[in-house]
């Protein structure tokens, strides 16, 4: 499958028709989506009309933009004009089509991207897999019995399968990086504020994308990043081009710390070994300075749940989901709600925030001693497509760590963090290497992803489904 950069550049030069590129994408979706269930809604007619407009601009000598004619998917938790946003919930099955794009989607569309449809997500983004009563179960192209991750699982599956070269994601605690790791692609959680959001202040969640190559990730960020007066958290424009920096940025001598488990998380030994080998390849190729710095941060898994879930039941009552709709919630949301109810007397949101602030201080101290934090992206290989998050990993209790115990740190502390393909288990399932950098150094992570793919190019499951 042509990459995003390859497709856009050929279309801009008039060497490839946008209508052909979009048709190829729609054909791939028709061929594979029945097995994978990555896309939940399509607009083939609208996509072809948008592609025709791109071709008209090229014929007239106009430049349609850096994403000219590239077919993309939009996660069903992000406003996309003309598509209902169901957030994977049966309760939003009759949602009206959105009247405007999110700022993220608007920038992609303005750069010439062609939106072919929306991709599946876990209900309200509350799971590490992607399955819901409304849309069913989304499956991993590498092994259809396993999950492509969550909550951006439809996007990761669509890109890994070759249906589209880019699909958007959101990440509040690992929801871009874990799906990327589980499907063997790249998932960057940008610095907080790099891509402007709508609708007020956001402590945890950011917009991003799932792609196959570092160049695609960099071009996406060149298009999507930059300040917006409507988002007071948005960062100033990056001085230069992310796409240019992946080939030119000098990262030699940057300090790197490896941790297999953050000091608290059960992790499958095979996952650790694959990620460790990938980290070693990367540190050698990038000429990083490896440092032995003990890092045992506070585990905020329970506190993240307390903060995010403290008003969950009240919100569901307000929205008419409860008290009568419990049985129509997906199993992961039922499980979360039941856990919150059982711990209601224990939840102290103020104390949980104090633990988050403690983590922020610990991470700030770490980055006085290093520039990069390397770890496995997940605690386990992809698990069953319809299963709940594993509560036991490597024979140990994982009820307070889950499948993505290393994701929340970057969201809590607003650092950029990326999952890069690391290798495959003996069962042929992808494993990811997570690299977290200092705040605002997205360029460093993209450069490292580029070095990693040059040193050890990764395959894709094209034609396997």
Protein backbone atom coordinates (compact mmCIF):
# COMPACT_ATOMS: atom_id res chain seq x y z
CA UNK A 1 0.00 0.00 0.00
CA UNK A 2 1.27 3.46 -0.85
CA UNK A 3 2.14 5.58 2.16
CA UNK A 4 0.46 8.88 2.90
CA UNK A 5 3.49 10.86 1.72
CA UNK A 6 3.90 8.80 -1.46
CA UNK A 7 0.24 9.14 -2.38
CA UNK A 8 -0.02 12.86 -1.68
CA UNK A 9 3.19 13.71 -3.54
CA UNK A 10 2.19 11.74 -6.63
CA UNK A 11 -1.27 13.32 -6.66
CA UNK A 12 0.14 16.83 -6.26
CA UNK A 13 2.45 16.21 -9.23
CA UNK A 14 -0.41 14.90 -11.36
CA UNK A 15 1.19 11.45 -11.57
CA UNK A 16 -1.66 9.75 -9.70
CA UNK A 17 -5.35 10.57 -9.71
CA UNK A 18 -6.98 11.15 -6.36
CA UNK A 19 -10.05 9.28 -7.58
CA UNK A 20 -7.90 6.21 -8.21
CA UNK A 21 -6.25 6.39 -4.80
CA UNK A 22 -9.58 6.76 -3.05
CA UNK A 23 -11.15 4.00 -5.15
CA UNK A 24 -8.29 1.68 -4.17
CA UNK A 25 -8.97 2.48 -0.52
CA UNK A 26 -12.70 1.86 -0.84
CA UNK A 27 -12.00 -1.43 -2.60
CA UNK A 28 -9.70 -2.48 0.24
CA UNK A 29 -12.36 -1.60 2.79
CA UNK A 30 -14.97 -3.58 0.89
CA UNK A 31 -12.61 -6.55 0.73
CA UNK A 32 -11.40 -6.60 4.35
CA UNK A 33 -13.74 -4.68 6.62
CA UNK A 34 -16.16 -7.56 7.01
CA UNK A 35 -13.46 -9.53 8.78
CA UNK A 36 -11.79 -6.70 10.67
CA UNK A 37 -14.69 -4.32 11.44
CA UNK A 38 -12.46 -1.26 11.45
CA UNK A 39 -14.85 1.16 9.73
CA UNK A 40 -18.32 1.64 11.20
CA UNK A 41 -19.59 4.24 8.70
CA UNK A 42 -18.61 5.01 5.11
CA UNK A 43 -19.39 7.77 2.65
CA UNK A 44 -18.08 6.41 -0.63
CA UNK A 45 -20.03 8.91 -2.73
CA UNK A 46 -18.83 11.90 -0.75
CA UNK A 47 -15.25 10.61 -0.78
CA UNK A 48 -15.26 10.20 -4.57
CA UNK A 49 -16.69 13.69 -5.01
CA UNK A 50 -13.94 15.12 -2.78
CA UNK A 51 -11.33 13.19 -4.78
CA UNK A 52 -12.70 14.56 -8.04
CA UNK A 53 -12.37 18.08 -6.66
CA UNK A 54 -8.73 17.40 -5.75
CA UNK A 55 -8.06 16.24 -9.30
CA UNK A 56 -9.73 19.36 -10.69
CA UNK A 57 -7.46 21.55 -8.57
CA UNK A 58 -4.34 19.72 -9.74
CA UNK A 59 -5.43 20.01 -13.39
CA UNK A 60 -5.94 23.75 -12.88
CA UNK A 61 -2.42 24.15 -11.52
CA UNK A 62 -3.48 24.54 -7.89
CA UNK A 63 -1.83 22.77 -4.97
CA UNK A 64 -4.54 20.94 -2.97
CA UNK A 65 -2.29 20.64 0.07
CA UNK A 66 0.16 18.31 1.81
CA UNK A 67 -2.45 15.55 2.14
CA UNK A 68 -3.80 15.88 -1.40
CA UNK A 69 -6.22 13.08 -2.18
CA UNK A 70 -5.13 10.84 0.70
CA UNK A 71 -8.01 8.68 1.99
CA UNK A 72 -8.27 8.73 5.77
CA UNK A 73 -10.51 7.47 8.54
CA UNK A 74 -11.72 9.51 11.51
CA UNK A 75 -12.18 7.93 14.93
CA UNK A 76 -15.80 7.81 16.02
CA UNK A 77 -15.01 10.03 19.00
CA UNK A 78 -14.02 13.04 16.94
CA UNK A 79 -16.42 15.45 15.26
CA UNK A 80 -16.46 14.93 11.49
CA UNK A 81 -18.93 16.93 9.45
CA UNK A 82 -21.67 14.80 7.93
CA UNK A 83 -21.08 11.76 10.15
CA UNK A 84 -22.88 10.99 13.42
CA UNK A 85 -20.51 10.66 16.38
CA UNK A 86 -21.73 7.63 18.29
CA UNK A 87 -18.63 7.10 20.47
CA UNK A 88 -19.30 3.39 20.12
CA UNK A 89 -22.41 3.59 22.27
CA UNK A 90 -25.81 2.06 21.69
CA UNK A 91 -27.24 5.10 23.47
CA UNK A 92 -25.98 7.38 20.69
CA UNK A 93 -27.15 5.14 17.84
CA UNK A 94 -29.53 7.85 16.60
CA UNK A 95 -27.07 10.74 16.90
CA UNK A 96 -27.48 13.41 14.24
CA UNK A 97 -24.66 14.04 11.76
CA UNK A 98 -22.08 16.52 13.02
CA UNK A 99 -22.44 20.03 11.57
CA UNK A 100 -18.74 20.90 11.71
CA UNK A 101 -15.36 19.23 11.97
CA UNK A 102 -13.15 19.22 15.01
CA UNK A 103 -10.21 21.57 14.60
CA UNK A 104 -8.01 18.57 13.98
CA UNK A 105 -10.20 17.11 11.23
CA UNK A 106 -10.75 20.56 9.71
CA UNK A 107 -7.00 21.00 9.26
CA UNK A 108 -6.64 17.57 7.65
CA UNK A 109 -9.51 18.25 5.29
CA UNK A 110 -8.14 21.70 4.40
CA UNK A 111 -4.83 20.05 3.47
CA UNK A 112 -6.59 17.84 0.93
CA UNK A 113 -7.32 14.70 2.94
CA UNK A 114 -10.36 12.73 1.76
CA UNK A 115 -12.45 11.30 4.57
CA UNK A 116 -13.85 7.92 3.58
CA UNK A 117 -15.52 7.06 6.87
CA UNK A 118 -15.39 6.77 10.64
CA UNK A 119 -13.55 4.08 12.58
CA UNK A 120 -14.63 1.99 15.53
CA UNK A 121 -13.75 2.83 19.11
CA UNK A 122 -14.49 1.30 22.48
CA UNK A 123 -17.61 2.73 24.10
CA UNK A 124 -16.87 6.29 25.27
CA UNK A 125 -13.19 5.39 24.90
CA UNK A 126 -13.25 3.33 28.09
CA UNK A 127 -11.38 0.16 27.15
CA UNK A 128 -8.05 -1.21 25.97
CA UNK A 129 -9.86 -3.27 23.32
CA UNK A 130 -12.51 -2.18 20.81
CA UNK A 131 -15.87 -3.88 21.17
CA UNK A 132 -19.35 -2.46 21.72
CA UNK A 133 -22.99 -3.44 21.63
CA UNK A 134 -23.56 -0.93 18.83
CA UNK A 135 -20.81 -1.89 16.39
CA UNK A 136 -19.58 -5.28 17.57
CA UNK A 137 -15.98 -6.39 17.86
CA UNK A 138 -13.02 -4.96 15.95
CA UNK A 139 -10.23 -7.42 15.19
CA UNK A 140 -6.49 -7.35 14.70
CA UNK A 141 -5.35 -7.85 11.07
CA UNK A 142 -2.38 -9.91 12.29
CA UNK A 143 -4.67 -12.41 14.02
CA UNK A 144 -8.42 -11.98 13.87
CA UNK A 145 -8.86 -13.71 17.22
CA UNK A 146 -7.03 -10.85 18.95
CA UNK A 147 -7.77 -7.19 19.61
CA UNK A 148 -6.17 -4.28 17.73
CA UNK A 149 -6.26 -2.36 21.02
CA UNK A 150 -8.38 0.51 22.20
CA UNK A 151 -9.82 2.91 22.33
CA UNK A 152 -8.54 3.78 18.82
CA UNK A 153 -8.73 0.15 17.68
CA UNK A 154 -10.71 0.79 14.52
CA UNK A 155 -8.10 3.28 13.38
CA UNK A 156 -5.15 0.99 14.14
CA UNK A 157 -6.81 -1.95 12.40
CA UNK A 158 -7.69 0.13 9.33
CA UNK A 159 -4.12 1.38 8.91
CA UNK A 160 -2.41 -1.92 9.68
CA UNK A 161 -4.68 -3.75 7.22
CA UNK A 162 -3.91 -1.25 4.47
CA UNK A 163 -7.41 0.19 4.13
CA UNK A 164 -6.14 3.76 4.61
CA UNK A 165 -2.66 5.16 5.27
CA UNK A 166 -3.85 7.32 8.18
CA UNK A 167 -6.67 7.29 10.67
CA UNK A 168 -7.14 9.70 13.53
CA UNK A 169 -6.99 8.76 17.18
CA UNK A 170 -7.39 10.24 20.62
CA UNK A 171 -5.20 9.42 23.59
CA UNK A 172 -6.10 10.06 27.24
CA UNK A 173 -4.06 7.24 28.75
CA UNK A 174 -2.50 5.27 25.91
CA UNK A 175 -5.36 5.01 23.41
CA UNK A 176 -3.14 5.77 20.41
CA UNK A 177 0.04 4.02 21.55
CA UNK A 178 -1.43 0.70 22.72
CA UNK A 179 -3.38 0.14 19.46
CA UNK A 180 -0.25 1.04 17.48
CA UNK A 181 1.79 -1.48 19.48
CA UNK A 182 -0.84 -4.19 19.07
CA UNK A 183 -0.96 -3.77 15.27
CA UNK A 184 2.68 -3.06 14.45
CA UNK A 185 2.37 0.57 13.33
CA UNK A 186 3.37 4.03 14.60
CA UNK A 187 1.28 5.89 17.14
CA UNK A 188 2.41 9.30 18.41
CA UNK A 189 0.74 10.90 21.41
CA UNK A 190 1.81 14.50 20.71
CA UNK A 191 2.76 17.05 23.32
CA UNK A 192 -0.29 18.42 25.07
CA UNK A 193 -1.46 21.41 23.03
CA UNK A 194 0.41 20.48 19.86
CA UNK A 195 -2.89 19.82 18.06
CA UNK A 196 -5.63 22.25 19.16
CA UNK A 197 -8.81 20.88 20.65
CA UNK A 198 -12.34 22.21 20.95
CA UNK A 199 -14.68 22.57 23.90
CA UNK A 200 -12.55 23.83 26.74
CA UNK A 201 -9.71 22.68 28.93
CA UNK A 202 -8.36 19.14 28.62
CA UNK A 203 -6.19 17.61 31.34
CA UNK A 204 -5.58 14.23 29.71
CA UNK A 205 -6.71 13.71 26.15
CA UNK A 206 -4.97 14.77 22.94
CA UNK A 207 -5.63 14.28 19.23
CA UNK A 208 -3.26 12.31 17.05
CA UNK A 209 -3.05 9.74 14.28
CA UNK A 210 -2.06 6.16 13.53
CA UNK A 211 0.19 5.65 10.52
CA UNK A 212 2.72 3.24 9.05
CA UNK A 213 5.83 5.40 8.65
CA UNK A 214 7.71 8.16 10.44
CA UNK A 215 7.37 10.42 7.40
CA UNK A 216 3.59 9.98 7.47
CA UNK A 217 3.50 10.80 11.18
CA UNK A 218 5.65 13.88 10.63
CA UNK A 219 3.59 15.20 7.73
CA UNK A 220 0.41 14.70 9.73
CA UNK A 221 1.85 16.77 12.56
CA UNK A 222 3.03 19.49 10.16
CA UNK A 223 -0.57 19.80 8.97
CA UNK A 224 -2.43 19.30 12.25
CA UNK A 225 -0.14 21.13 14.66
CA UNK A 226 0.04 24.81 15.46
CA UNK A 227 -1.75 27.33 17.65
CA UNK A 228 -5.43 28.21 17.57
CA UNK A 229 -6.92 31.18 19.38
CA UNK A 230 -9.90 29.06 20.36
CA UNK A 231 -7.72 26.72 22.43
CA UNK A 232 -5.81 28.48 25.18
CA UNK A 233 -3.69 25.35 25.71
CA UNK A 234 -2.42 25.23 22.13
CA UNK A 235 1.33 25.51 21.62
CA UNK A 236 3.16 27.98 19.40
CA UNK A 237 3.99 26.78 15.90
CA UNK A 238 6.90 24.38 15.61
CA UNK A 239 9.90 26.28 14.20
CA UNK A 240 10.44 24.39 10.99
CA UNK A 241 9.08 21.18 9.55
CA UNK A 242 8.64 17.90 11.40
CA UNK A 243 8.96 16.09 8.09
CA UNK A 244 12.28 17.75 7.38
CA UNK A 245 13.55 17.10 10.90
CA UNK A 246 13.11 13.32 10.68
CA UNK A 247 16.00 13.24 8.21
CA UNK A 248 18.20 15.99 9.62
CA UNK A 249 17.78 16.30 13.39
CA UNK A 250 20.93 15.33 15.30
CA UNK A 251 19.97 13.16 18.26
CA UNK A 252 23.42 11.71 18.94
CA UNK A 253 24.40 12.04 22.57
CA UNK A 254 20.88 12.37 23.92
CA UNK A 255 20.57 10.52 27.23
CA UNK A 256 18.26 7.50 27.37
CA UNK A 257 16.94 5.44 30.27
CA UNK A 258 15.43 1.98 29.80
CA UNK A 259 12.88 0.50 32.20
CA UNK A 260 11.09 -2.81 31.64
CA UNK A 261 8.24 -2.15 34.06
CA UNK A 262 8.38 1.32 35.69
CA UNK A 263 9.05 -0.59 38.89
CA UNK A 264 5.44 -1.62 39.42
CA UNK A 265 3.87 -3.32 36.41
CA UNK A 266 3.71 -7.05 35.66
CA UNK A 267 4.87 -7.48 32.05
CA UNK A 268 5.10 -10.60 29.90
CA UNK A 269 8.79 -11.63 29.70
CA UNK A 270 8.64 -12.05 25.92
CA UNK A 271 7.27 -8.53 25.53
CA UNK A 272 10.08 -7.16 27.69
CA UNK A 273 12.74 -8.99 25.70
CA UNK A 274 11.42 -7.88 22.30
CA UNK A 275 11.11 -4.26 23.45
CA UNK A 276 14.55 -4.38 25.11
CA UNK A 277 16.17 -5.62 21.88
CA UNK A 278 14.42 -2.88 19.90
CA UNK A 279 15.61 -0.30 22.43
CA UNK A 280 19.18 -1.57 22.09
CA UNK A 281 19.04 -1.36 18.29
CA UNK A 282 17.69 2.15 18.47
CA UNK A 283 20.17 3.44 21.04
CA UNK A 284 23.07 2.08 18.99
CA UNK A 285 21.81 3.38 15.66
CA UNK A 286 20.91 6.81 17.05
CA UNK A 287 24.12 6.96 19.10
CA UNK A 288 22.25 7.70 22.30
CA UNK A 289 23.95 7.72 25.68
CA UNK A 290 22.38 4.95 27.75
CA UNK A 291 22.13 5.80 31.43
CA UNK A 292 21.31 3.66 34.46
CA UNK A 293 18.87 5.82 36.38
CA UNK A 294 16.49 4.13 38.83
CA UNK A 295 12.92 5.14 38.03
CA UNK A 296 10.11 3.97 40.27
CA UNK A 297 7.26 6.45 39.81
CA UNK A 298 3.95 6.29 41.57
CA UNK A 299 1.40 4.10 39.80
CA UNK A 300 -1.56 6.36 39.02
CA UNK A 301 -3.69 3.64 37.38
CA UNK A 302 -6.22 3.60 40.24
CA UNK A 303 -6.06 7.37 40.64
CA UNK A 304 -6.63 7.94 36.93
CA UNK A 305 -9.75 5.79 37.23
CA UNK A 306 -10.89 7.67 40.32
CA UNK A 307 -10.49 11.08 38.66
CA UNK A 308 -12.02 10.06 35.34
CA UNK A 309 -14.77 7.98 36.91
CA UNK A 310 -15.71 10.06 39.93
CA UNK A 311 -18.70 11.60 38.15
CA UNK A 312 -19.35 8.74 35.73
CA UNK A 313 -22.56 7.45 37.27
CA UNK A 314 -23.93 10.98 37.72
CA UNK A 315 -23.08 11.74 34.08
CA UNK A 316 -24.87 8.59 32.93
CA UNK A 317 -27.94 9.49 34.99
CA UNK A 318 -27.92 13.03 33.55
CA UNK A 319 -27.68 11.63 30.02
CA UNK A 320 -30.52 9.14 30.57
CA UNK A 321 -28.33 6.04 30.36
CA UNK A 322 -28.91 5.10 33.98
CA UNK A 323 -30.64 3.80 35.96
CA UNK A 324 -32.41 1.68 33.33
CA UNK A 325 -29.74 1.24 30.65
CA UNK A 326 -26.99 -0.65 32.46
CA UNK A 327 -27.52 -3.84 30.43
CA UNK A 328 -27.04 -1.96 27.15
CA UNK A 329 -23.62 -0.65 28.13
CA UNK A 330 -20.69 -2.62 26.77
CA UNK A 331 -19.07 -5.15 29.11
CA UNK A 332 -15.95 -3.02 29.74
CA UNK A 333 -18.04 0.01 30.74
CA UNK A 334 -20.24 -2.17 32.94
CA UNK A 335 -17.11 -3.53 34.60
CA UNK A 336 -15.70 -0.04 35.16
CA UNK A 337 -18.97 1.27 36.54
CA UNK A 338 -19.29 -1.71 38.89
CA UNK A 339 -15.73 -1.18 40.11
CA UNK A 340 -16.41 2.49 40.80
CA UNK A 341 -19.60 1.65 42.66
CA UNK A 342 -17.76 -0.91 44.80
CA UNK A 343 -15.04 1.58 45.66
CA UNK A 344 -17.27 4.60 46.04
CA UNK A 345 -16.45 5.06 49.73
CA UNK A 346 -12.72 4.79 49.01
CA UNK A 347 -12.54 7.37 46.21
CA UNK A 348 -10.85 10.58 47.24
CA UNK A 349 -10.39 12.71 44.15
CA UNK A 350 -8.29 15.28 45.98
CA UNK A 351 -5.89 12.56 47.12
CA UNK A 352 -5.78 11.12 43.61
CA UNK A 353 -4.81 14.49 42.18
CA UNK A 354 -2.06 14.71 44.79
CA UNK A 355 -0.65 11.45 43.40
CA UNK A 356 -0.78 12.88 39.90
CA UNK A 357 1.12 15.95 41.08
CA UNK A 358 3.66 13.64 42.75
CA UNK A 359 4.12 11.83 39.43
CA UNK A 360 4.63 15.15 37.70
CA UNK A 361 7.43 15.99 40.12
CA UNK A 362 9.01 12.56 39.69
CA UNK A 363 8.95 12.84 35.92
CA UNK A 364 10.37 16.36 36.03
CA UNK A 365 13.22 15.07 38.18
CA UNK A 366 13.82 12.17 35.80
CA UNK A 367 14.18 14.51 32.86
CA UNK A 368 16.92 16.44 34.63
CA UNK A 369 18.91 13.21 34.33
CA UNK A 370 17.81 11.98 30.92
CA UNK A 371 16.23 13.10 27.66
CA UNK A 372 14.36 9.91 26.81
CA UNK A 373 12.47 7.19 28.68
CA UNK A 374 12.25 3.83 26.89
CA UNK A 375 9.96 0.95 27.87
CA UNK A 376 7.63 -1.64 26.40
CA UNK A 377 4.51 0.07 25.02
CA UNK A 378 2.21 -2.48 26.69
CA UNK A 379 2.36 -5.10 29.40
CA UNK A 380 1.26 -7.92 27.12
CA UNK A 381 0.81 -9.04 23.55
CA UNK A 382 -2.61 -8.56 21.92
CA UNK A 383 -5.22 -10.52 23.87
CA UNK A 384 -8.62 -11.88 22.83
CA UNK A 385 -10.69 -9.54 20.68
CA UNK A 386 -13.77 -9.79 22.89
CA UNK A 387 -12.04 -10.22 26.23
CA UNK A 388 -11.82 -7.79 29.12
CA UNK A 389 -8.44 -6.29 30.01
CA UNK A 390 -6.23 -9.02 31.50
CA UNK A 391 -6.26 -9.01 35.29
CA UNK A 392 -3.31 -11.39 35.44
CA UNK A 393 -0.07 -10.79 33.49
CA UNK A 394 2.95 -13.09 33.82
CA UNK A 395 1.13 -14.91 36.62
CA UNK A 396 0.86 -11.72 38.69
CA UNK A 397 -2.02 -9.47 39.69
CA UNK A 398 -2.47 -6.84 36.97
CA UNK A 399 -5.78 -5.43 38.19
CA UNK A 400 -4.04 -2.14 39.07
CA UNK A 401 -1.90 -1.94 35.92
CA UNK A 402 -3.84 -3.45 33.00
CA UNK A 403 -2.60 -3.80 29.43
CA UNK A 404 -1.22 -0.26 29.08
CA UNK A 405 0.38 0.63 32.42
CA UNK A 406 2.95 2.94 30.81
CA UNK A 407 0.60 5.17 28.86
CA UNK A 408 -0.83 7.45 31.53
CA UNK A 409 2.47 9.06 32.52
CA UNK A 410 2.72 11.09 29.32
CA UNK A 411 -0.91 12.19 29.54
CA UNK A 412 -0.62 13.24 33.17
CA UNK A 413 2.64 15.11 32.60
CA UNK A 414 1.87 16.37 29.06
CA UNK A 415 4.96 14.78 27.47
CA UNK A 416 5.07 13.52 23.90
CA UNK A 417 5.26 9.72 23.69
CA UNK A 418 5.40 7.32 20.76
CA UNK A 419 4.96 3.61 20.11
CA UNK A 420 7.30 2.22 17.47
CA UNK A 421 7.11 -1.37 16.14
CA UNK A 422 9.61 -3.50 18.07
CA UNK A 423 9.11 -7.01 16.73
CA UNK A 424 6.88 -10.04 17.00
CA UNK A 425 6.16 -12.68 19.62
CA UNK A 426 6.68 -16.37 18.93
CA UNK A 427 2.96 -16.42 18.07
CA UNK A 428 3.48 -13.75 15.40
CA UNK A 429 1.84 -10.88 17.29
CA UNK A 430 3.26 -7.32 17.24
CA UNK A 431 5.02 -5.70 20.18
CA UNK A 432 5.74 -1.98 20.53
CA UNK A 433 8.60 0.05 21.98
CA UNK A 434 7.44 3.20 23.77
CA UNK A 435 9.70 6.25 23.85
CA UNK A 436 8.75 9.29 25.93
CA UNK A 437 10.59 12.59 25.56
CA UNK A 438 10.77 15.96 27.25
CA UNK A 439 7.76 18.20 26.80
CA UNK A 440 7.47 19.69 23.32
CA UNK A 441 10.17 17.47 21.77
CA UNK A 442 7.88 15.66 19.36
CA UNK A 443 10.59 16.17 16.73
CA UNK A 444 13.01 13.96 18.66
CA UNK A 445 10.50 11.10 18.81
CA UNK A 446 9.75 11.31 15.10
CA UNK A 447 13.46 11.32 14.28
CA UNK A 448 13.95 8.22 16.44
CA UNK A 449 11.03 6.49 14.71
CA UNK A 450 12.70 7.22 11.38
CA UNK A 451 16.01 5.78 12.57
CA UNK A 452 14.23 2.70 13.92
CA UNK A 453 12.48 1.96 10.62
CA UNK A 454 15.72 2.40 8.68
CA UNK A 455 17.59 0.01 10.97
CA UNK A 456 14.85 -2.62 11.11
CA UNK A 457 12.05 -2.13 8.56
CA UNK A 458 8.80 -3.61 9.77
CA UNK A 459 6.33 -5.67 7.74
CA UNK A 460 2.56 -5.23 7.47
CA UNK A 461 -0.19 -7.85 7.20
CA UNK A 462 -1.14 -6.87 3.63
CA UNK A 463 -3.02 -9.66 1.92
CA UNK A 464 -3.20 -11.86 5.01
CA UNK A 465 -6.90 -11.28 5.72
